[in-house]
Amino acid sequence: MPSIYQRALGSDFEKLHPKIQERFGFSSEDQIASIGSGVMDEVWRGRFYTVPFLYLGTWRRIMFPEYGEDIPFTVENYAYQDSFGRETVTWVRTFDTSKRRRFDAYMIYSESRGCIVDYLGSHQHLAVDLNVSVDERGGLCIRSGGQRFYEGRIAFSFPLFLSGIADVCEWYDDEAQKFRIQVEVTNPTWGRLFGYRGSFDVTCPKVEEGGIPDHIRPLREERRD
């Protein structure tokens, strides 16, 4: 079974650096995970008026207001079939700031939308279309698009002026033999909201069938994409 990133990129997947192909080329059938650990050189936040918005994000493990330098970091990528039978890849990121914070995301490939859809947070309230591409370093670049809010019978497109546009790029640094990542979340009106940059190493442990750790799975799953 191809990974969701192979499906989204098609033949461009082969343009990725071999290490990035290895990191994003597995599916639930492979029964492995990709676990990264390292240090964020910087975790930053926007101006003072973004702080309430960032605190609100901690409620569902989406964003957080803490910032600093040299912050220990882990990212846990597991591939599994969710309760609706969809191939899902986790992006559970933990930052050891002054208060340990998590940033959770669950990605699927949506046939109806023709792209990856990212469910943000512990309860998957936000569904975000993702555009993926390959940069000149063979890195995987992700840019967020349309966003929708789902809760029970409530469903609406999230207005752009209230949401952030995320640009994510992950690549492999051959000289340092490290994975590197840079994330920047901005808003057309409010400017820079949140982001981080740093490096990490990756291990690919074996995952037994049904062996996804409980702390990785979302507390609620959303069917609508």
Protein backbone atom coordinates (compact mmCIF):
# COMPACT_ATOMS: atom_id res chain seq x y z
CA MET A 1 0.00 0.00 0.00
CA PRO A 2 1.46 3.42 -0.92
CA SER A 3 1.73 6.01 1.81
CA ILE A 4 -0.60 9.01 1.79
CA TYR A 5 2.36 11.18 0.76
CA GLN A 6 3.13 8.93 -2.21
CA ARG A 7 -0.51 9.26 -3.27
CA ALA A 8 -0.48 13.04 -2.91
CA LEU A 9 2.86 13.59 -4.70
CA GLY A 10 2.58 10.90 -7.37
CA SER A 11 5.77 10.60 -9.40
CA ASP A 12 7.24 13.62 -7.58
CA PHE A 13 7.69 11.42 -4.52
CA GLU A 14 10.83 10.05 -6.22
CA LYS A 15 12.32 13.57 -6.17
CA LEU A 16 12.45 13.53 -2.37
CA HIS A 17 15.77 12.88 -0.66
CA PRO A 18 16.09 9.12 0.03
CA LYS A 19 15.95 9.76 3.79
CA ILE A 20 12.75 11.76 3.37
CA GLN A 21 11.31 9.02 1.15
CA GLU A 22 12.07 6.53 3.90
CA ARG A 23 10.49 8.75 6.53
CA PHE A 24 7.25 9.37 4.62
CA GLY A 25 7.02 6.27 2.44
CA PHE A 26 5.52 3.80 4.91
CA SER A 27 1.90 2.80 5.45
CA SER A 28 0.04 0.86 8.12
CA GLU A 29 0.84 -2.37 6.26
CA ASP A 30 4.56 -1.87 6.95
CA GLN A 31 4.00 -1.93 10.73
CA ILE A 32 6.72 0.58 11.51
CA ALA A 33 6.74 4.07 12.95
CA SER A 34 9.01 7.08 12.47
CA ILE A 35 10.01 8.64 15.79
CA GLY A 36 12.05 11.82 15.77
CA SER A 37 13.84 13.40 18.71
CA GLY A 38 16.00 16.49 18.78
CA VAL A 39 16.11 20.15 19.62
CA MET A 40 14.24 23.15 18.31
CA ASP A 41 16.74 25.95 17.87
CA GLU A 42 13.86 28.37 18.28
CA VAL A 43 10.16 28.24 19.10
CA TRP A 44 8.59 31.64 18.53
CA ARG A 45 5.24 33.36 18.79
CA GLY A 46 3.71 36.48 17.27
CA ARG A 47 2.99 39.84 18.84
CA PHE A 48 1.15 40.28 22.13
CA TYR A 49 -2.31 40.18 20.55
CA THR A 50 -1.70 36.60 19.30
CA VAL A 51 -1.23 35.24 22.84
CA PRO A 52 -4.95 34.69 23.66
CA PHE A 53 -5.33 32.84 20.35
CA LEU A 54 -2.34 30.62 21.17
CA TYR A 55 -3.64 29.89 24.68
CA LEU A 56 -6.95 28.86 23.14
CA GLY A 57 -5.06 26.37 21.00
CA THR A 58 -3.72 24.56 24.08
CA TRP A 59 -7.29 23.50 24.90
CA ARG A 60 -7.25 21.01 22.02
CA ARG A 61 -3.47 20.56 21.58
CA ILE A 62 -3.18 22.69 18.45
CA MET A 63 -0.82 25.56 19.38
CA PHE A 64 0.65 27.10 22.53
CA PRO A 65 2.06 30.45 23.73
CA GLU A 66 5.41 29.35 25.19
CA TYR A 67 8.57 30.21 23.28
CA GLY A 68 12.34 29.98 23.65
CA GLU A 69 15.54 28.50 22.31
CA ASP A 70 17.15 25.04 22.47
CA ILE A 71 13.88 23.30 23.34
CA PRO A 72 13.84 19.46 23.40
CA PHE A 73 11.38 18.09 20.90
CA THR A 74 9.86 14.79 19.76
CA VAL A 75 7.62 13.95 16.80
CA GLU A 76 5.79 10.63 16.61
CA ASN A 77 4.58 9.48 13.20
CA TYR A 78 2.48 6.31 13.19
CA ALA A 79 0.45 4.95 10.28
CA TYR A 80 -2.80 3.15 11.11
CA GLN A 81 -6.36 2.59 9.92
CA ASP A 82 -8.78 4.81 11.81
CA SER A 83 -12.28 3.75 12.90
CA PHE A 84 -13.63 4.73 9.46
CA GLY A 85 -11.06 2.54 7.68
CA ARG A 86 -8.97 5.48 6.44
CA GLU A 87 -5.20 5.31 6.23
CA THR A 88 -4.02 7.83 8.81
CA VAL A 89 -0.60 9.23 9.73
CA THR A 90 -0.06 10.89 13.10
CA TRP A 91 2.04 13.98 13.70
CA VAL A 92 2.18 14.15 17.49
CA ARG A 93 4.76 16.77 18.47
CA THR A 94 5.88 17.36 22.05
CA PHE A 95 7.85 20.42 23.11
CA ASP A 96 9.58 20.59 26.50
CA THR A 97 9.11 24.31 27.02
CA SER A 98 8.60 25.78 30.50
CA LYS A 99 5.41 23.71 30.38
CA ARG A 100 5.32 20.55 28.29
CA ARG A 101 3.10 21.16 25.28
CA ARG A 102 1.72 18.97 22.49
CA PHE A 103 0.70 19.82 18.95
CA ASP A 104 -1.39 16.98 17.46
CA ALA A 105 -2.37 16.35 13.85
CA TYR A 106 -3.83 13.37 11.98
CA MET A 107 -3.49 13.22 8.21
CA ILE A 108 -5.47 11.23 5.64
CA TYR A 109 -5.59 11.26 1.85
CA SER A 110 -9.05 12.41 0.73
CA GLU A 111 -10.23 10.97 -2.59
CA SER A 112 -13.07 13.49 -2.79
CA ARG A 113 -10.77 16.49 -2.29
CA GLY A 114 -7.81 15.05 -4.15
CA CYS A 115 -5.36 16.06 -1.43
CA ILE A 116 -4.19 15.31 2.08
CA VAL A 117 -6.58 16.49 4.79
CA ASP A 118 -5.09 17.27 8.19
CA TYR A 119 -7.29 16.94 11.27
CA LEU A 120 -5.83 19.23 13.91
CA GLY A 121 -5.96 18.72 17.64
CA SER A 122 -7.00 16.07 20.11
CA HIS A 123 -10.66 16.11 18.95
CA GLN A 124 -10.15 16.68 15.19
CA HIS A 125 -12.35 19.79 15.19
CA LEU A 126 -10.41 21.44 12.36
CA ALA A 127 -9.98 19.78 8.95
CA VAL A 128 -7.38 21.49 6.77
CA ASP A 129 -6.55 20.85 3.10
CA LEU A 130 -2.81 20.44 2.51
CA ASN A 131 -0.84 21.11 -0.64
CA VAL A 132 2.39 19.12 -0.76
CA SER A 133 5.45 19.63 -2.95
CA VAL A 134 9.18 18.89 -3.19
CA ASP A 135 11.80 21.64 -2.88
CA GLU A 136 15.28 21.88 -4.41
CA ARG A 137 16.83 20.08 -1.42
CA GLY A 138 14.55 17.08 -1.84
CA GLY A 139 12.55 18.26 1.16
CA LEU A 140 8.83 17.76 1.73
CA CYS A 141 6.99 21.08 1.80
CA ILE A 142 3.42 21.44 3.03
CA ARG A 143 1.18 24.51 2.77
CA SER A 144 -2.25 24.65 4.35
CA GLY A 145 -5.33 25.64 2.38
CA GLY A 146 -9.05 25.63 3.13
CA GLN A 147 -10.10 24.95 6.71
CA ARG A 148 -13.37 23.61 8.08
CA PHE A 149 -14.72 23.34 11.62
CA TYR A 150 -16.73 20.27 12.66
CA GLU A 151 -18.48 19.61 15.96
CA GLY A 152 -21.61 17.47 16.08
CA ARG A 153 -24.13 18.96 13.65
CA ILE A 154 -22.12 22.14 13.40
CA ALA A 155 -20.04 22.45 10.23
CA PHE A 156 -18.68 25.55 8.54
CA SER A 157 -15.71 26.81 6.59
CA PHE A 158 -13.34 28.60 8.91
CA PRO A 159 -12.89 32.24 7.78
CA LEU A 160 -9.38 33.06 6.63
CA PHE A 161 -9.07 36.20 8.76
CA LEU A 162 -9.46 34.04 11.89
CA SER A 163 -7.19 31.19 10.82
CA GLY A 164 -3.50 30.64 10.24
CA ILE A 165 -1.76 29.58 7.05
CA ALA A 166 0.92 27.02 7.85
CA ASP A 167 4.10 26.51 5.82
CA VAL A 168 6.05 23.41 6.80
CA CYS A 169 9.26 22.13 5.27
CA GLU A 170 11.20 19.09 6.36
CA TRP A 171 14.45 18.05 4.69
CA TYR A 172 17.59 16.02 5.31
CA ASP A 173 20.92 17.74 5.95
CA ASP A 174 23.58 15.42 4.54
CA GLU A 175 26.45 17.37 6.09
CA ALA A 176 25.03 17.29 9.62
CA GLN A 177 23.30 13.92 9.07
CA LYS A 178 20.17 15.34 10.67
CA PHE A 179 16.58 15.91 9.69
CA ARG A 180 15.65 19.57 9.74
CA ILE A 181 12.26 21.19 10.01
CA GLN A 182 10.92 24.71 9.76
CA VAL A 183 7.32 25.69 10.48
CA GLU A 184 5.75 29.13 10.16
CA VAL A 185 2.07 29.94 10.80
CA THR A 186 0.92 33.34 9.58
CA ASN A 187 -2.31 35.27 9.10
CA PRO A 188 -2.93 37.77 6.28
CA THR A 189 -4.22 40.32 8.80
CA TRP A 190 -2.38 39.59 12.04
CA GLY A 191 1.01 38.59 10.62
CA ARG A 192 3.24 35.90 12.15
CA LEU A 193 1.45 33.76 14.73
CA PHE A 194 3.62 30.81 15.69
CA GLY A 195 6.48 28.65 14.48
CA TYR A 196 9.65 26.72 15.15
CA ARG A 197 12.84 25.49 13.52
CA GLY A 198 15.32 22.82 14.53
CA SER A 199 16.82 19.41 13.84
CA PHE A 200 16.30 15.84 14.96
CA ASP A 201 17.30 12.20 14.51
CA VAL A 202 14.86 9.46 13.54
CA THR A 203 14.37 5.84 14.52
CA CYS A 204 11.91 3.46 12.86
CA PRO A 205 10.72 0.97 15.49
CA LYS A 206 8.57 -2.04 14.63
CA VAL A 207 4.90 -1.68 15.52
CA GLU A 208 2.90 -4.81 16.24
CA GLU A 209 -0.60 -5.05 14.78
CA GLY A 210 -2.89 -2.89 16.92
CA GLY A 211 0.16 -1.59 18.77
CA ILE A 212 -0.36 2.16 18.29
CA PRO A 213 0.15 3.68 21.78
CA ASP A 214 -3.03 4.97 23.40
CA HIS A 215 -1.52 8.41 23.96
CA ILE A 216 -1.08 8.81 20.21
CA ARG A 217 -4.68 8.31 19.11
CA PRO A 218 -7.11 11.25 19.05
CA LEU A 219 -9.81 11.49 21.69
CA ARG A 220 -12.41 11.89 18.96
CA GLU A 221 -12.43 11.07 15.24
CA GLU A 222 -14.20 13.09 12.56
CA ARG A 223 -15.71 11.38 9.52
CA ARG A 224 -16.25 14.52 7.42
CA ASP A 225 -13.31 15.78 5.43
